[in-house]
Amino acid sequence: MTASFVSQLEAGRTNASVATLRRLADALGVLVAELFDPAPLPSARVVRTEEAVWETGAAGSLLRAVTHAPQVVEATWCVIPHRSSVGPSDVDIEANAETVILVVGGQGVSVRVADEEFVLERGDSLACESILLQSITSPHAEQAEVIALSSPPYA
């Protein structure tokens, strides 16, 4: 199912078969009936520790927290070894996510976005299109910590 088809369906320019409605409902994590009469969205969704999905990557841990189907925010805690660099795929940042936000903790980092280099200190943040993010470097004698927030594209 393409994004174009879903857009046409939402605009009322095309119709969906029952099978397509089932696939769409499954992808959204709702009942088919909710596609026609959706329940109101809650003001907040808490993801408890036992419900969270943690994965360990090359440079850190990835927490996938579902806010409300189909919106997903991935928070990746990255530990970057001293005087080394990591790329977006090393820290599980989806290359085709629209935006990534980096928040720096610990030592500062140097971030390469397209052809520009940004020096970020503890507490600084940076937002960019994820496709432009090239590397995150810890130039210090100690490791750096970065939290990367991104919203992956719809499946």
N, C-alpha and C. Protein backbone atom coordinates (compact mmCIF):
# COMPACT_ATOMS: atom_id res chain seq x y z
N MET A 1 0.85 -1.17 0.00
CA MET A 1 0.00 0.00 0.00
C MET A 1 0.90 1.23 0.00
N THR A 2 0.73 2.09 -0.95
CA THR A 2 1.60 3.25 -1.09
C THR A 2 1.03 4.46 -0.34
N ALA A 3 1.89 5.41 -0.07
CA ALA A 3 1.46 6.65 0.58
C ALA A 3 0.50 7.41 -0.32
N SER A 4 0.72 7.33 -1.63
CA SER A 4 -0.16 7.98 -2.59
C SER A 4 -1.57 7.40 -2.51
N PHE A 5 -1.67 6.06 -2.42
CA PHE A 5 -2.97 5.42 -2.33
C PHE A 5 -3.69 5.85 -1.05
N VAL A 6 -2.98 5.86 0.07
CA VAL A 6 -3.58 6.26 1.35
C VAL A 6 -4.05 7.70 1.28
N SER A 7 -3.26 8.57 0.65
CA SER A 7 -3.65 9.97 0.49
C SER A 7 -4.93 10.10 -0.33
N GLN A 8 -5.02 9.34 -1.42
CA GLN A 8 -6.23 9.36 -2.26
C GLN A 8 -7.43 8.81 -1.50
N LEU A 9 -7.19 7.80 -0.69
CA LEU A 9 -8.26 7.21 0.13
C LEU A 9 -8.77 8.22 1.15
N GLU A 10 -7.84 8.91 1.81
CA GLU A 10 -8.23 9.92 2.81
C GLU A 10 -8.99 11.08 2.17
N ALA A 11 -8.62 11.42 0.94
CA ALA A 11 -9.27 12.53 0.24
C ALA A 11 -10.59 12.12 -0.41
N GLY A 12 -10.92 10.82 -0.36
CA GLY A 12 -12.16 10.35 -0.95
C GLY A 12 -12.11 10.20 -2.46
N ARG A 13 -10.90 10.16 -3.04
CA ARG A 13 -10.75 10.04 -4.48
C ARG A 13 -10.69 8.59 -4.95
N THR A 14 -10.60 7.64 -4.02
CA THR A 14 -10.59 6.22 -4.37
C THR A 14 -11.26 5.45 -3.25
N ASN A 15 -11.60 4.21 -3.54
CA ASN A 15 -12.22 3.34 -2.53
C ASN A 15 -11.27 2.19 -2.22
N ALA A 16 -11.45 1.61 -1.05
CA ALA A 16 -10.61 0.48 -0.64
C ALA A 16 -11.45 -0.78 -0.52
N SER A 17 -10.83 -1.90 -0.84
CA SER A 17 -11.51 -3.19 -0.66
C SER A 17 -11.49 -3.54 0.83
N VAL A 18 -12.27 -4.52 1.20
CA VAL A 18 -12.30 -4.98 2.60
C VAL A 18 -10.91 -5.49 3.00
N ALA A 19 -10.24 -6.18 2.12
CA ALA A 19 -8.90 -6.70 2.41
C ALA A 19 -7.92 -5.54 2.66
N THR A 20 -8.03 -4.49 1.87
CA THR A 20 -7.16 -3.32 2.05
C THR A 20 -7.46 -2.63 3.37
N LEU A 21 -8.75 -2.52 3.70
CA LEU A 21 -9.12 -1.92 4.99
C LEU A 21 -8.57 -2.73 6.16
N ARG A 22 -8.59 -4.05 6.04
CA ARG A 22 -8.02 -4.91 7.10
C ARG A 22 -6.51 -4.67 7.24
N ARG A 23 -5.81 -4.61 6.10
CA ARG A 23 -4.35 -4.37 6.14
C ARG A 23 -4.05 -3.00 6.76
N LEU A 24 -4.83 -2.01 6.38
CA LEU A 24 -4.65 -0.67 6.92
C LEU A 24 -4.91 -0.64 8.43
N ALA A 25 -5.99 -1.26 8.85
CA ALA A 25 -6.31 -1.32 10.28
C ALA A 25 -5.23 -2.06 11.06
N ASP A 26 -4.74 -3.17 10.51
CA ASP A 26 -3.66 -3.92 11.16
C ASP A 26 -2.41 -3.07 11.30
N ALA A 27 -2.07 -2.34 10.24
CA ALA A 27 -0.88 -1.49 10.27
C ALA A 27 -1.00 -0.38 11.30
N LEU A 28 -2.22 0.11 11.50
CA LEU A 28 -2.46 1.19 12.46
C LEU A 28 -2.70 0.65 13.87
N GLY A 29 -2.91 -0.64 14.00
CA GLY A 29 -3.17 -1.22 15.31
C GLY A 29 -4.56 -0.91 15.84
N VAL A 30 -5.53 -0.81 14.92
CA VAL A 30 -6.91 -0.50 15.30
C VAL A 30 -7.85 -1.51 14.65
N LEU A 31 -9.10 -1.50 15.07
CA LEU A 31 -10.13 -2.31 14.43
C LEU A 31 -10.59 -1.62 13.15
N VAL A 32 -11.08 -2.38 12.19
CA VAL A 32 -11.57 -1.79 10.94
C VAL A 32 -12.64 -0.76 11.23
N ALA A 33 -13.52 -1.02 12.18
CA ALA A 33 -14.59 -0.07 12.53
C ALA A 33 -14.03 1.28 12.97
N GLU A 34 -12.87 1.28 13.61
CA GLU A 34 -12.27 2.53 14.08
C GLU A 34 -11.78 3.41 12.94
N LEU A 35 -11.61 2.83 11.76
CA LEU A 35 -11.23 3.63 10.60
C LEU A 35 -12.36 4.58 10.21
N PHE A 36 -13.60 4.20 10.57
CA PHE A 36 -14.76 5.00 10.21
C PHE A 36 -15.26 5.86 11.35
N ASP A 37 -15.06 5.42 12.57
CA ASP A 37 -15.51 6.15 13.75
C ASP A 37 -14.42 6.04 14.81
N PRO A 38 -13.32 6.76 14.60
CA PRO A 38 -12.20 6.59 15.52
C PRO A 38 -12.51 7.09 16.92
N ALA A 39 -11.96 6.39 17.89
CA ALA A 39 -12.09 6.81 19.28
C ALA A 39 -11.26 8.08 19.47
N PRO A 40 -11.64 8.93 20.39
CA PRO A 40 -10.84 10.13 20.62
C PRO A 40 -9.44 9.75 21.10
N LEU A 41 -8.46 10.55 20.68
CA LEU A 41 -7.09 10.28 21.10
C LEU A 41 -6.91 10.64 22.57
N PRO A 42 -6.19 9.82 23.31
CA PRO A 42 -5.93 10.17 24.71
C PRO A 42 -4.98 11.37 24.76
N SER A 43 -5.01 12.09 25.89
CA SER A 43 -4.13 13.25 26.02
C SER A 43 -2.67 12.83 26.18
N ALA A 44 -2.45 11.61 26.62
CA ALA A 44 -1.07 11.11 26.78
C ALA A 44 -1.09 9.59 26.77
N ARG A 45 0.03 9.00 26.42
CA ARG A 45 0.18 7.55 26.46
C ARG A 45 1.46 7.25 27.22
N VAL A 46 1.33 6.46 28.25
CA VAL A 46 2.48 6.06 29.04
C VAL A 46 2.93 4.69 28.57
N VAL A 47 4.22 4.55 28.31
CA VAL A 47 4.79 3.27 27.97
C VAL A 47 5.60 2.82 29.18
N ARG A 48 5.10 1.81 29.88
CA ARG A 48 5.76 1.30 31.08
C ARG A 48 7.00 0.51 30.70
N THR A 49 7.91 0.42 31.63
CA THR A 49 9.18 -0.27 31.41
C THR A 49 8.97 -1.65 30.81
N GLU A 50 8.03 -2.41 31.35
CA GLU A 50 7.82 -3.77 30.87
C GLU A 50 7.20 -3.82 29.47
N GLU A 51 6.61 -2.70 29.01
CA GLU A 51 6.02 -2.64 27.68
C GLU A 51 6.99 -2.10 26.63
N ALA A 52 8.03 -1.42 27.07
CA ALA A 52 8.97 -0.79 26.16
C ALA A 52 9.75 -1.84 25.39
N VAL A 53 10.10 -1.51 24.17
CA VAL A 53 10.90 -2.40 23.34
C VAL A 53 12.30 -1.79 23.26
N TRP A 54 13.26 -2.47 23.88
CA TRP A 54 14.66 -2.01 23.86
C TRP A 54 15.46 -2.89 22.95
N GLU A 55 16.32 -2.28 22.17
CA GLU A 55 17.24 -3.02 21.31
C GLU A 55 18.63 -2.43 21.54
N THR A 56 19.63 -3.26 21.54
CA THR A 56 20.99 -2.78 21.71
C THR A 56 21.66 -2.69 20.35
N GLY A 57 22.19 -1.51 20.05
CA GLY A 57 22.86 -1.29 18.77
C GLY A 57 24.36 -1.18 18.98
N ALA A 58 25.05 -0.85 17.91
CA ALA A 58 26.51 -0.76 17.95
C ALA A 58 27.00 0.33 18.89
N ALA A 59 26.27 1.45 18.96
CA ALA A 59 26.76 2.57 19.75
C ALA A 59 25.86 2.92 20.92
N GLY A 60 24.77 2.21 21.12
CA GLY A 60 23.90 2.57 22.23
C GLY A 60 22.67 1.71 22.27
N SER A 61 21.68 2.19 23.01
CA SER A 61 20.43 1.47 23.17
C SER A 61 19.32 2.24 22.48
N LEU A 62 18.41 1.52 21.87
CA LEU A 62 17.30 2.11 21.15
C LEU A 62 16.00 1.78 21.88
N LEU A 63 15.22 2.80 22.16
CA LEU A 63 13.91 2.61 22.78
C LEU A 63 12.87 3.01 21.76
N ARG A 64 11.99 2.08 21.42
CA ARG A 64 10.89 2.39 20.51
C ARG A 64 9.64 2.58 21.38
N ALA A 65 9.11 3.80 21.37
CA ALA A 65 7.93 4.10 22.18
C ALA A 65 6.80 4.51 21.27
N VAL A 66 5.73 3.79 21.31
CA VAL A 66 4.57 4.10 20.47
C VAL A 66 3.76 5.18 21.16
N THR A 67 3.57 6.32 20.48
CA THR A 67 2.79 7.40 21.06
C THR A 67 1.30 7.16 20.81
N HIS A 68 0.95 6.89 19.61
CA HIS A 68 -0.41 6.50 19.23
C HIS A 68 -0.32 6.10 17.77
N ALA A 69 -0.81 4.94 17.45
CA ALA A 69 -0.70 4.45 16.08
C ALA A 69 -1.24 5.50 15.12
N PRO A 70 -0.58 5.78 14.04
CA PRO A 70 0.64 5.18 13.55
C PRO A 70 1.90 5.97 13.91
N GLN A 71 1.80 6.96 14.82
CA GLN A 71 2.96 7.77 15.16
C GLN A 71 3.91 7.00 16.06
N VAL A 72 5.17 6.99 15.71
CA VAL A 72 6.18 6.32 16.50
C VAL A 72 7.35 7.27 16.67
N VAL A 73 7.86 7.36 17.87
CA VAL A 73 9.06 8.14 18.13
C VAL A 73 10.10 7.19 18.66
N GLU A 74 11.27 7.22 18.04
CA GLU A 74 12.37 6.39 18.51
C GLU A 74 13.36 7.29 19.23
N ALA A 75 13.70 6.89 20.44
CA ALA A 75 14.71 7.61 21.22
C ALA A 75 15.91 6.69 21.34
N THR A 76 17.04 7.13 20.85
CA THR A 76 18.25 6.33 20.89
C THR A 76 19.26 7.01 21.80
N TRP A 77 19.70 6.30 22.82
CA TRP A 77 20.75 6.82 23.70
C TRP A 77 22.06 6.30 23.14
N CYS A 78 22.93 7.18 22.75
CA CYS A 78 24.19 6.81 22.11
C CYS A 78 25.37 7.17 22.99
N VAL A 79 26.24 6.24 23.19
CA VAL A 79 27.51 6.51 23.85
C VAL A 79 28.57 6.47 22.76
N ILE A 80 29.24 7.59 22.58
CA ILE A 80 30.24 7.69 21.52
C ILE A 80 31.62 7.64 22.19
N PRO A 81 32.40 6.61 21.90
CA PRO A 81 33.72 6.49 22.52
C PRO A 81 34.58 7.73 22.26
N HIS A 82 35.51 7.99 23.19
CA HIS A 82 36.36 9.17 23.05
C HIS A 82 37.14 9.15 21.74
N ARG A 83 37.23 10.34 21.15
CA ARG A 83 37.96 10.56 19.90
C ARG A 83 37.55 9.59 18.79
N SER A 84 36.26 9.39 18.64
CA SER A 84 35.79 8.55 17.54
C SER A 84 34.49 9.11 16.97
N SER A 85 34.11 8.60 15.80
CA SER A 85 32.91 9.06 15.11
C SER A 85 31.96 7.90 14.86
N VAL A 86 30.67 8.21 14.80
CA VAL A 86 29.66 7.24 14.42
C VAL A 86 28.77 7.87 13.36
N GLY A 87 28.21 7.03 12.51
CA GLY A 87 27.28 7.50 11.51
C GLY A 87 25.85 7.21 11.95
N PRO A 88 24.86 7.75 11.24
CA PRO A 88 23.45 7.54 11.62
C PRO A 88 23.06 6.06 11.74
N SER A 89 23.56 5.22 10.84
CA SER A 89 23.19 3.80 10.91
C SER A 89 23.81 3.12 12.13
N ASP A 90 24.94 3.63 12.63
CA ASP A 90 25.58 3.06 13.82
C ASP A 90 24.74 3.28 15.07
N VAL A 91 23.93 4.33 15.06
CA VAL A 91 23.10 4.64 16.22
C VAL A 91 21.62 4.44 15.93
N ASP A 92 21.32 3.61 14.92
CA ASP A 92 19.95 3.20 14.58
C ASP A 92 19.02 4.36 14.25
N ILE A 93 19.53 5.38 13.57
CA ILE A 93 18.68 6.46 13.10
C ILE A 93 18.25 6.12 11.68
N GLU A 94 16.95 6.09 11.46
CA GLU A 94 16.41 5.78 10.13
C GLU A 94 16.83 6.85 9.14
N ALA A 95 17.44 6.45 8.06
CA ALA A 95 17.90 7.40 7.04
C ALA A 95 16.75 8.13 6.38
N ASN A 96 15.57 7.52 6.34
CA ASN A 96 14.45 8.17 5.68
C ASN A 96 13.42 8.74 6.66
N ALA A 97 13.81 8.89 7.94
CA ALA A 97 12.96 9.61 8.88
C ALA A 97 12.97 11.08 8.46
N GLU A 98 11.88 11.77 8.67
CA GLU A 98 11.83 13.16 8.24
C GLU A 98 12.85 14.01 8.99
N THR A 99 12.82 13.95 10.30
CA THR A 99 13.65 14.81 11.13
C THR A 99 14.29 14.00 12.23
N VAL A 100 15.48 14.39 12.59
CA VAL A 100 16.14 13.83 13.76
C VAL A 100 16.54 15.00 14.65
N ILE A 101 16.36 14.82 15.95
CA ILE A 101 16.76 15.82 16.93
C ILE A 101 17.81 15.18 17.82
N LEU A 102 18.96 15.82 17.92
CA LEU A 102 20.03 15.33 18.79
C LEU A 102 20.10 16.22 20.02
N VAL A 103 20.18 15.61 21.20
CA VAL A 103 20.34 16.33 22.45
C VAL A 103 21.62 15.81 23.09
N VAL A 104 22.53 16.72 23.42
CA VAL A 104 23.85 16.34 23.90
C VAL A 104 23.88 16.32 25.43
N GLY A 105 24.42 15.21 25.96
CA GLY A 105 24.68 15.08 27.39
C GLY A 105 26.15 14.76 27.56
N GLY A 106 26.69 14.95 28.73
CA GLY A 106 28.10 14.64 28.94
C GLY A 106 28.99 15.60 28.17
N GLN A 107 30.04 15.09 27.57
CA GLN A 107 30.97 15.91 26.80
C GLN A 107 30.32 16.39 25.51
N GLY A 108 30.83 17.45 24.96
CA GLY A 108 30.32 17.98 23.71
C GLY A 108 30.65 17.07 22.53
N VAL A 109 30.01 17.33 21.41
CA VAL A 109 30.24 16.55 20.19
C VAL A 109 30.33 17.49 19.01
N SER A 110 30.85 16.97 17.94
CA SER A 110 30.88 17.65 16.66
C SER A 110 29.95 16.87 15.74
N VAL A 111 29.03 17.56 15.09
CA VAL A 111 28.03 16.91 14.24
C VAL A 111 28.19 17.43 12.82
N ARG A 112 28.30 16.51 11.87
CA ARG A 112 28.41 16.87 10.46
C ARG A 112 27.04 16.68 9.81
N VAL A 113 26.51 17.78 9.27
CA VAL A 113 25.23 17.77 8.56
C VAL A 113 25.50 18.36 7.18
N ALA A 114 25.26 17.53 6.16
CA ALA A 114 25.58 17.92 4.77
C ALA A 114 27.04 18.35 4.73
N ASP A 115 27.31 19.60 4.35
CA ASP A 115 28.69 20.07 4.26
C ASP A 115 29.07 20.98 5.42
N GLU A 116 28.27 20.99 6.48
CA GLU A 116 28.55 21.87 7.62
C GLU A 116 28.91 21.06 8.87
N GLU A 117 29.75 21.66 9.68
CA GLU A 117 30.17 21.04 10.95
C GLU A 117 29.62 21.91 12.08
N PHE A 118 28.94 21.28 13.05
CA PHE A 118 28.37 22.01 14.19
C PHE A 118 29.00 21.47 15.47
N VAL A 119 29.46 22.37 16.33
CA VAL A 119 30.04 21.98 17.62
C VAL A 119 28.95 22.20 18.67
N LEU A 120 28.58 21.13 19.33
CA LEU A 120 27.52 21.18 20.34
C LEU A 120 28.09 20.85 21.71
N GLU A 121 27.67 21.61 22.70
CA GLU A 121 28.09 21.37 24.08
C GLU A 121 26.96 20.73 24.86
N ARG A 122 27.24 20.29 26.07
CA ARG A 122 26.24 19.65 26.93
C ARG A 122 24.97 20.51 27.01
N GLY A 123 23.83 19.87 26.75
CA GLY A 123 22.54 20.56 26.81
C GLY A 123 22.10 21.16 25.49
N ASP A 124 23.02 21.30 24.53
CA ASP A 124 22.65 21.81 23.21
C ASP A 124 21.84 20.76 22.45
N SER A 125 21.09 21.22 21.47
CA SER A 125 20.37 20.29 20.61
C SER A 125 20.47 20.77 19.17
N LEU A 126 20.21 19.87 18.26
CA LEU A 126 20.29 20.16 16.83
C LEU A 126 19.17 19.38 16.16
N ALA A 127 18.47 20.01 15.23
CA ALA A 127 17.44 19.32 14.44
C ALA A 127 17.81 19.44 12.97
N CYS A 128 17.66 18.34 12.25
CA CYS A 128 17.96 18.35 10.82
C CYS A 128 17.19 17.22 10.14
N GLU A 129 17.16 17.28 8.81
CA GLU A 129 16.62 16.17 8.06
C GLU A 129 17.58 15.00 8.25
N SER A 130 17.05 13.85 8.57
CA SER A 130 17.93 12.73 8.89
C SER A 130 18.81 12.32 7.71
N ILE A 131 18.33 12.53 6.50
CA ILE A 131 19.12 12.14 5.33
C ILE A 131 20.40 12.98 5.21
N LEU A 132 20.42 14.16 5.83
CA LEU A 132 21.58 15.05 5.75
C LEU A 132 22.60 14.78 6.86
N LEU A 133 22.20 14.06 7.90
CA LEU A 133 23.10 13.77 9.01
C LEU A 133 24.18 12.79 8.56
N GLN A 134 25.45 13.19 8.72
CA GLN A 134 26.54 12.34 8.25
C GLN A 134 27.30 11.67 9.39
N SER A 135 27.63 12.42 10.45
CA SER A 135 28.40 11.81 11.53
C SER A 135 28.27 12.60 12.82
N ILE A 136 28.55 11.89 13.92
CA ILE A 136 28.62 12.49 15.25
C ILE A 136 29.97 12.08 15.80
N THR A 137 30.77 13.06 16.23
CA THR A 137 32.13 12.79 16.67
C THR A 137 32.33 13.27 18.10
N SER A 138 33.01 12.46 18.89
CA SER A 138 33.43 12.85 20.23
C SER A 138 34.90 13.26 20.15
N PRO A 139 35.18 14.55 20.16
CA PRO A 139 36.57 14.99 20.01
C PRO A 139 37.36 15.00 21.32
N HIS A 140 36.69 14.68 22.42
CA HIS A 140 37.31 14.79 23.74
C HIS A 140 37.99 13.49 24.18
N ALA A 141 38.72 13.58 25.27
CA ALA A 141 39.40 12.41 25.83
C ALA A 141 38.41 11.50 26.55
N GLU A 142 37.19 11.97 26.77
CA GLU A 142 36.15 11.16 27.42
C GLU A 142 35.03 10.88 26.43
N GLN A 143 34.25 9.84 26.71
CA GLN A 143 33.13 9.50 25.83
C GLN A 143 32.06 10.59 25.87
N ALA A 144 31.27 10.66 24.83
CA ALA A 144 30.16 11.61 24.75
C ALA A 144 28.86 10.83 24.76
N GLU A 145 27.80 11.49 25.17
CA GLU A 145 26.47 10.87 25.17
C GLU A 145 25.52 11.78 24.41
N VAL A 146 24.72 11.17 23.54
CA VAL A 146 23.75 11.90 22.73
C VAL A 146 22.44 11.13 22.75
N ILE A 147 21.34 11.83 22.87
CA ILE A 147 20.03 11.22 22.69
C ILE A 147 19.53 11.68 21.33
N ALA A 148 19.20 10.72 20.48
CA ALA A 148 18.69 11.03 19.13
C ALA A 148 17.21 10.67 19.10
N LEU A 149 16.38 11.62 18.75
CA LEU A 149 14.93 11.41 18.62
C LEU A 149 14.58 11.47 17.14
N SER A 150 13.86 10.47 16.67
CA SER A 150 13.44 10.48 15.27
C SER A 150 12.10 9.77 15.14
N SER A 151 11.42 10.11 14.08
CA SER A 151 10.14 9.48 13.78
C SER A 151 10.30 8.76 12.46
N PRO A 152 10.37 7.42 12.50
CA PRO A 152 10.58 6.68 11.25
C PRO A 152 9.37 6.81 10.33
N PRO A 153 9.58 6.60 9.05
CA PRO A 153 8.47 6.70 8.09
C PRO A 153 7.47 5.58 8.33
N TYR A 154 6.27 5.78 7.80
CA TYR A 154 5.25 4.74 7.91
C TYR A 154 5.69 3.50 7.17
N ALA A 155 5.35 2.35 7.72
CA ALA A 155 5.72 1.08 7.08
C ALA A 155 4.87 0.85 5.86
